[in-house]
Every structure is written in C-alpha cells, then in structure tokens.
Amino acid sequence: MSFSELLNIGLMQGFAGLSLFAVLLLMGLGLAIIFGQMGVINMAHGEFMTIGAYTIFLGSTLAEKYAPSMMSTYFPIAIVLAFGFAFAAGWLVEWALIRHLYKRPLDTLLATWGVSLAMQQCFRTFIGPKEVSPTLPEWLMGSWAPQAGLDIPINGLFVLALTAVVTVSVLIALAKSRWGLRVRATVSNRTMANAIGINTQKTDRLTFAIGCGIAGMAGAAFTTIGSTGPTSGSLYIVDSFLVVTFGGAASLLGTVVSAFGIAQTQSITEFFMSGSMAKVITLSLIVLILMMRPQGLFASKVRR
C-alpha cells in the first residue's frame, strides 16, 4: 500500500471522527448548559436527542407521502422543528419536575432517569419499537472527492457546518445576549441575581429548555449517520457526560476540546482494533487524565 493511499485512509478515518465529534459536541453543549451551568444531572438528555431524530423521520415521512416537492427542502425545516419540539418538552419537564429539585443533584438524577424510561416507553407506544431512518434529500447524498481515492461524505460536511453554527451561536449568546448575562449572574451568585431583579426561576427554565433544544438538534444531525430507535439517545448519554466532565463542567470551551479529543481517539483506535477495545482505551485515557486533573481540562465553576 502506497503512502498516498495510507494518507487518504487516515484522512477519511479522521473525518469519521469529526462526524462523531459533531454529534458528541451538540449533545455535550446542551448537557454543559444544563449540568455545568445549573447543576442538574439530566439522565433524560438522550431522549431529547431522540425527539429531534424522530422529528426528522416524521418530517421525511410526511413530505414523502403528502408533499413530494418538498423532499429537497424539508430537512432544514425539520431541524428547526426538532429544536422547537425538544425545547417545548424541556420547558414542560423543568416546570413539572426539575424546578422542585434544584440543589438536590442526586434527586435530579433519579427523577430524570424515570423521565428517560417514561419517554422511551412513549416512543415505543406511539412510534414503534423498531429502528427507523428518514429519506434524506438528494443534496445530502454522495461524497466530495478533493483528490483521487479520498471521498468525504457530504452529509458529514453538513453536520460539521450545523455544529459550527450552533456552537458559535451558543457561545455568542452566553457572552453577549441578555439571557447569557442572566445565566452568568445566576451561576455566579443566585441570591445577588435575585436581589437585582433577575427572575432566576425563568432563567433556569429557559436555560434547561435551550439545552434540551440543542440535544434535539443533535438528534437531527444523528439521523444522517445512523438509524433511530426508542433507546438511541441513551447510547450517547454516557459519552455526553464524559465530554462535559472531561472538559470541565462549566466550560463550554472545554466541552469543544474534550468532544474533539474523545471522538478522534475513538475513531483512530477503531481503525487498528475492535470498537469495544477502542472504547476501553479511550475511557482509560480519560480516567488517567482525570486522576491528574479532577476538575477536567478547564477549571469548573461552582454554583452558589
């Protein structure tokens, strides 16, 4: 095998890692906002991802059956709806359950685990137990070949672009918007934030809902690389917590760095060995680094 062929294989394997990185980053961003900024352990986060994935599937089914002319345009619309549906579901869960459990992290873990099981059963009952896949628009199919022997999937490029837009938007919103100012004030000192007139309960609810909405967009991105079933989101919840913990619970920059490192390490090691062994090596490296830096790659902040 020539050097150019080995280089092409390495580049394609690296790009496969970027596709995994995109999904992990979107999941990690939503979780970092909820877990890192609010101190809530949301075990149902994967199910909000599943809501987004099913939204894409239902959009594809409706467009294919009732409006074939929209097959080329339904996908971007469905992504917006995926965010909206997951946002609405997150708003409802926070209002009905989470707002009663702040400052009780173990209680939020158990409560959201119950929500996770209930949502999975709802998916099985109302959508079906089998895994499904949407019909993707033609412009998402195929690959881009910058040189002979190097094929990069177009859907992977789209997912990376979507991830970049969402990530930059979240960072700008936290740094520049009124919502971001309220979140930072609440995280820094809740009592003082209340004293200066910030409605911290409304800020908590909006923050939780936005985190769930971002998970819904992660589900939309996931449909381009895999099929969706009732338990699809739960397969990513452990990796998502690893991303947030490894990067630093309250650091969005740490979330980006850790998602990239975990995805690339897993993708590269999978090229040389089985998927299970690649997972073991990735987890072992994370544990070793966390032993040296218990707070993660970037120091976390503590909610007061």
Protein backbone atom coordinates (compact mmCIF):
# COMPACT_ATOMS: atom_id res chain seq x y z
CA MET A 1 0.00 0.00 0.00
CA SER A 2 1.47 3.36 -1.06
CA PHE A 3 1.98 6.35 1.21
CA SER A 4 -0.76 8.34 -0.58
CA GLU A 5 -3.25 5.52 -0.05
CA LEU A 6 -2.36 5.33 3.64
CA LEU A 7 -2.73 9.11 3.89
CA ASN A 8 -6.18 9.01 2.25
CA ILE A 9 -7.33 6.24 4.59
CA GLY A 10 -6.04 8.22 7.59
CA LEU A 11 -7.83 11.37 6.42
CA MET A 12 -11.12 9.52 5.88
CA GLN A 13 -10.82 7.87 9.31
CA GLY A 14 -10.12 11.28 10.82
CA PHE A 15 -13.20 12.69 9.11
CA ALA A 16 -15.26 9.82 10.53
CA GLY A 17 -14.03 11.01 13.92
CA LEU A 18 -15.19 14.53 13.05
CA SER A 19 -18.71 13.22 12.36
CA LEU A 20 -18.77 11.58 15.80
CA PHE A 21 -17.28 14.78 17.24
CA ALA A 22 -20.16 16.81 15.79
CA VAL A 23 -22.84 14.68 17.47
CA LEU A 24 -20.94 14.50 20.78
CA LEU A 25 -20.36 18.24 20.75
CA LEU A 26 -24.03 19.08 20.17
CA MET A 27 -25.04 16.66 22.92
CA GLY A 28 -22.29 17.96 25.18
CA LEU A 29 -23.24 21.61 24.61
CA GLY A 30 -26.80 21.03 25.71
CA LEU A 31 -25.65 18.99 28.68
CA ALA A 32 -22.95 21.52 29.63
CA ILE A 33 -25.59 24.25 29.81
CA ILE A 34 -27.87 22.11 31.98
CA PHE A 35 -25.33 20.24 34.09
CA GLY A 36 -22.47 22.71 34.10
CA GLN A 37 -24.44 25.94 34.42
CA MET A 38 -27.37 24.69 36.51
CA GLY A 39 -26.01 21.69 38.44
CA VAL A 40 -28.80 19.40 37.18
CA ILE A 41 -27.90 15.81 36.25
CA ASN A 42 -30.28 15.23 33.34
CA MET A 43 -30.36 11.49 32.61
CA ALA A 44 -33.15 12.10 30.08
CA HIS A 45 -30.90 14.22 27.87
CA GLY A 46 -30.56 11.39 25.35
CA GLU A 47 -34.32 11.18 24.97
CA PHE A 48 -34.47 14.84 23.94
CA MET A 49 -31.94 13.89 21.26
CA THR A 50 -34.33 11.11 20.21
CA ILE A 51 -37.16 13.65 19.93
CA GLY A 52 -35.08 15.56 17.40
CA ALA A 53 -34.24 12.41 15.44
CA TYR A 54 -37.88 11.32 15.29
CA THR A 55 -38.87 14.83 14.16
CA ILE A 56 -36.61 14.42 11.11
CA PHE A 57 -38.09 10.96 10.42
CA LEU A 58 -41.67 12.21 10.70
CA GLY A 59 -40.85 15.22 8.51
CA SER A 60 -39.38 12.90 5.90
CA THR A 61 -42.41 10.59 6.03
CA LEU A 62 -44.93 13.44 5.72
CA ALA A 63 -43.02 15.12 2.90
CA GLU A 64 -42.62 11.85 1.01
CA LYS A 65 -46.30 10.96 1.35
CA TYR A 66 -48.10 14.29 1.06
CA ALA A 67 -45.65 16.81 -0.45
CA PRO A 68 -43.00 15.11 -2.62
CA SER A 69 -41.97 18.51 -3.98
CA MET A 70 -40.64 19.39 -0.50
CA MET A 71 -38.25 16.42 -0.28
CA SER A 72 -35.35 18.68 -1.16
CA THR A 73 -36.24 21.35 1.40
CA TYR A 74 -37.88 19.56 4.34
CA PHE A 75 -34.61 18.79 6.14
CA PRO A 76 -33.65 22.35 7.24
CA ILE A 77 -37.26 22.99 8.27
CA ALA A 78 -37.31 19.75 10.28
CA ILE A 79 -34.09 20.76 12.07
CA VAL A 80 -35.77 23.95 13.29
CA LEU A 81 -38.81 21.92 14.37
CA ALA A 82 -36.52 19.40 16.13
CA PHE A 83 -35.14 22.25 18.23
CA GLY A 84 -38.66 23.57 18.87
CA PHE A 85 -40.18 20.25 19.94
CA ALA A 86 -37.25 19.36 22.21
CA PHE A 87 -37.30 22.92 23.61
CA ALA A 88 -41.03 22.64 24.41
CA ALA A 89 -40.58 19.22 26.01
CA GLY A 90 -37.68 20.53 28.10
CA TRP A 91 -39.71 23.57 29.21
CA LEU A 92 -42.52 21.24 30.33
CA VAL A 93 -40.19 18.87 32.22
CA GLU A 94 -38.49 21.77 34.02
CA TRP A 95 -41.84 23.29 35.01
CA ALA A 96 -43.38 19.99 36.14
CA LEU A 97 -40.38 18.37 37.82
CA ILE A 98 -36.91 19.93 37.76
CA ARG A 99 -37.82 23.26 39.42
CA HIS A 100 -38.67 21.37 42.60
CA LEU A 101 -35.27 19.62 42.76
CA TYR A 102 -32.62 22.34 42.46
CA LYS A 103 -29.64 21.91 44.83
CA ARG A 104 -30.51 18.19 45.05
CA PRO A 105 -28.36 16.64 42.30
CA LEU A 106 -28.93 13.01 43.26
CA ASP A 107 -32.69 13.59 43.25
CA THR A 108 -32.48 15.12 39.77
CA LEU A 109 -30.51 12.06 38.62
CA LEU A 110 -33.19 9.65 39.83
CA ALA A 111 -36.09 11.81 38.66
CA THR A 112 -34.73 12.37 35.16
CA TRP A 113 -33.84 8.69 34.89
CA GLY A 114 -37.52 7.97 35.47
CA VAL A 115 -38.42 10.57 32.84
CA SER A 116 -35.99 8.84 30.47
CA LEU A 117 -37.70 5.46 30.93
CA ALA A 118 -41.15 7.01 30.53
CA MET A 119 -40.14 8.80 27.31
CA GLN A 120 -38.65 5.60 25.88
CA GLN A 121 -41.92 3.79 26.53
CA CYS A 122 -43.84 6.62 24.85
CA PHE A 123 -41.61 6.27 21.79
CA ARG A 124 -42.30 2.53 21.67
CA THR A 125 -46.05 3.03 22.09
CA PHE A 126 -46.70 5.92 19.71
CA ILE A 127 -43.96 5.48 17.09
CA GLY A 128 -42.89 1.85 17.33
CA PRO A 129 -40.12 -0.32 18.77
CA LYS A 130 -38.20 -0.75 15.51
CA GLU A 131 -35.38 1.50 14.37
CA VAL A 132 -36.26 3.88 11.54
CA SER A 133 -34.31 6.06 9.13
CA PRO A 134 -35.51 9.14 7.21
CA THR A 135 -35.18 9.55 3.47
CA LEU A 136 -32.50 12.20 3.16
CA PRO A 137 -32.62 14.88 0.44
CA GLU A 138 -30.55 14.16 -2.66
CA TRP A 139 -28.22 17.08 -1.91
CA LEU A 140 -27.13 15.30 1.29
CA MET A 141 -26.22 12.11 -0.54
CA GLY A 142 -22.93 11.21 -2.17
CA SER A 143 -19.45 12.40 -1.41
CA TRP A 144 -16.93 15.08 -2.23
CA ALA A 145 -13.63 13.90 -3.73
CA PRO A 146 -10.95 16.61 -3.39
CA GLN A 147 -8.43 14.13 -4.79
CA ALA A 148 -8.32 10.60 -6.17
CA GLY A 149 -9.01 7.98 -3.50
CA LEU A 150 -10.29 10.48 -0.94
CA ASP A 151 -14.08 10.54 -0.54
CA ILE A 152 -15.66 12.75 2.12
CA PRO A 153 -19.43 12.26 2.72
CA ILE A 154 -21.50 15.36 2.03
CA ASN A 155 -23.82 14.63 4.95
CA GLY A 156 -20.77 14.69 7.24
CA LEU A 157 -19.80 18.12 5.91
CA PHE A 158 -23.35 19.35 6.53
CA VAL A 159 -23.31 18.04 10.11
CA LEU A 160 -19.99 19.79 10.76
CA ALA A 161 -21.36 23.06 9.36
CA LEU A 162 -24.51 22.75 11.51
CA THR A 163 -22.41 22.03 14.59
CA ALA A 164 -20.18 25.03 13.93
CA VAL A 165 -23.18 27.35 13.55
CA VAL A 166 -24.86 26.07 16.74
CA THR A 167 -21.64 26.18 18.78
CA VAL A 168 -20.76 29.73 17.75
CA SER A 169 -24.35 30.84 18.33
CA VAL A 170 -24.36 29.40 21.87
CA LEU A 171 -21.01 30.99 22.72
CA ILE A 172 -22.13 34.39 21.40
CA ALA A 173 -25.49 34.13 23.19
CA LEU A 174 -23.82 33.35 26.52
CA ALA A 175 -21.32 36.18 26.09
CA LYS A 176 -23.47 38.92 24.53
CA SER A 177 -27.21 38.31 24.99
CA ARG A 178 -29.42 39.30 27.93
CA TRP A 179 -30.14 35.61 28.52
CA GLY A 180 -26.41 34.89 28.72
CA LEU A 181 -25.93 37.75 31.18
CA ARG A 182 -28.72 36.39 33.38
CA VAL A 183 -27.27 32.87 33.23
CA ARG A 184 -23.81 34.07 34.22
CA ALA A 185 -25.22 36.19 37.03
CA THR A 186 -27.33 33.31 38.35
CA VAL A 187 -24.39 30.90 38.23
CA SER A 188 -22.11 33.40 39.94
CA ASN A 189 -24.46 34.34 42.79
CA ARG A 190 -28.13 33.38 42.76
CA THR A 191 -29.04 35.43 45.81
CA MET A 192 -27.49 38.60 44.39
CA ALA A 193 -29.08 37.94 40.98
CA ASN A 194 -32.49 37.78 42.64
CA ALA A 195 -31.71 40.94 44.58
CA ILE A 196 -31.02 42.98 41.43
CA GLY A 197 -34.26 41.87 39.82
CA ILE A 198 -33.30 38.86 37.69
CA ASN A 199 -36.04 36.25 37.57
CA THR A 200 -33.81 33.25 38.26
CA GLN A 201 -36.68 30.76 38.02
CA LYS A 202 -37.48 31.93 34.48
CA THR A 203 -33.75 31.91 33.62
CA ASP A 204 -33.46 28.31 34.88
CA ARG A 205 -36.46 27.21 32.83
CA LEU A 206 -35.25 28.88 29.65
CA THR A 207 -31.74 27.52 30.12
CA PHE A 208 -32.98 23.97 30.63
CA ALA A 209 -35.24 24.24 27.59
CA ILE A 210 -32.43 25.61 25.39
CA GLY A 211 -30.15 22.77 26.47
CA CYS A 212 -32.84 20.26 25.54
CA GLY A 213 -33.43 22.03 22.22
CA ILE A 214 -29.74 21.72 21.36
CA ALA A 215 -29.98 18.00 22.14
CA GLY A 216 -32.88 17.85 19.68
CA MET A 217 -30.60 19.35 17.01
CA ALA A 218 -28.01 16.71 17.88
CA GLY A 219 -30.70 14.12 17.14
CA ALA A 220 -31.38 15.78 13.80
CA ALA A 221 -27.67 15.56 12.96
CA PHE A 222 -27.57 11.94 14.15
CA THR A 223 -30.12 10.86 11.51
CA THR A 224 -27.53 11.50 8.78
CA ILE A 225 -25.17 8.86 10.18
CA GLY A 226 -27.42 6.29 11.90
CA SER A 227 -30.92 4.90 12.39
CA THR A 228 -33.21 5.96 15.24
CA GLY A 229 -34.95 3.81 17.83
CA PRO A 230 -36.53 4.33 21.27
CA THR A 231 -33.18 3.82 23.03
CA SER A 232 -30.90 5.60 20.53
CA GLY A 233 -30.40 8.62 22.76
CA SER A 234 -29.47 6.54 25.80
CA LEU A 235 -26.50 5.13 23.86
CA TYR A 236 -24.96 8.61 23.81
CA ILE A 237 -25.76 9.81 27.32
CA VAL A 238 -22.64 8.29 28.93
CA ASP A 239 -20.37 9.72 26.23
CA SER A 240 -22.07 13.10 26.66
CA PHE A 241 -21.40 13.16 30.41
CA LEU A 242 -17.81 12.11 29.70
CA VAL A 243 -17.44 15.05 27.32
CA VAL A 244 -18.74 17.54 29.90
CA THR A 245 -16.83 16.06 32.85
CA PHE A 246 -13.56 15.67 30.95
CA GLY A 247 -13.70 19.21 29.57
CA GLY A 248 -14.77 20.86 32.83
CA ALA A 249 -18.36 21.06 33.99
CA ALA A 250 -18.89 24.80 33.47
CA SER A 251 -16.57 25.33 30.50
CA LEU A 252 -18.09 25.37 27.02
CA LEU A 253 -14.60 25.65 25.53
CA GLY A 254 -13.66 22.54 27.49
CA THR A 255 -16.69 20.79 26.04
CA VAL A 256 -15.48 21.54 22.50
CA VAL A 257 -11.92 20.37 23.22
CA SER A 258 -12.96 17.19 25.04
CA ALA A 259 -15.54 16.23 22.39
CA PHE A 260 -12.88 16.54 19.69
CA GLY A 261 -10.31 14.57 21.70
CA ILE A 262 -12.70 11.74 22.64
CA ALA A 263 -14.12 11.40 19.11
CA GLN A 264 -10.73 11.39 17.38
CA THR A 265 -9.17 8.99 19.88
CA GLN A 266 -12.04 6.55 19.50
CA SER A 267 -12.10 6.83 15.71
CA ILE A 268 -8.34 6.37 15.26
CA THR A 269 -8.10 3.41 17.66
CA GLU A 270 -11.09 1.74 15.96
CA PHE A 271 -9.01 1.65 12.76
CA PHE A 272 -6.43 -0.60 14.46
CA MET A 273 -8.65 -2.72 16.73
CA SER A 274 -12.25 -3.61 17.57
CA GLY A 275 -14.79 -1.00 18.60
CA SER A 276 -15.03 -2.34 22.15
CA MET A 277 -11.26 -2.21 22.67
CA ALA A 278 -11.16 1.31 21.21
CA LYS A 279 -13.80 2.30 23.77
CA VAL A 280 -11.76 0.75 26.61
CA ILE A 281 -8.61 2.62 25.58
CA THR A 282 -10.49 5.92 25.25
CA LEU A 283 -12.08 5.53 28.69
CA SER A 284 -8.76 4.52 30.23
CA LEU A 285 -7.05 7.64 28.89
CA ILE A 286 -9.89 9.82 30.21
CA VAL A 287 -9.63 8.22 33.67
CA LEU A 288 -5.85 8.73 33.76
CA ILE A 289 -6.15 12.39 32.82
CA LEU A 290 -8.98 12.98 35.32
CA MET A 291 -6.79 11.44 38.03
CA MET A 292 -4.27 14.19 37.34
CA ARG A 293 -6.88 16.92 36.74
CA PRO A 294 -10.04 16.03 38.72
CA GLN A 295 -11.76 19.26 37.64
CA GLY A 296 -11.31 18.42 33.95
CA LEU A 297 -9.24 20.10 31.27
CA PHE A 298 -10.64 23.51 32.19
CA ALA A 299 -11.39 24.52 35.79
CA SER A 300 -15.11 24.43 36.54
CA LYS A 301 -17.16 26.99 38.39
CA VAL A 302 -19.31 26.19 41.38
CA ARG A 303 -22.95 27.29 41.51
CA ARG A 304 -23.68 29.23 44.66
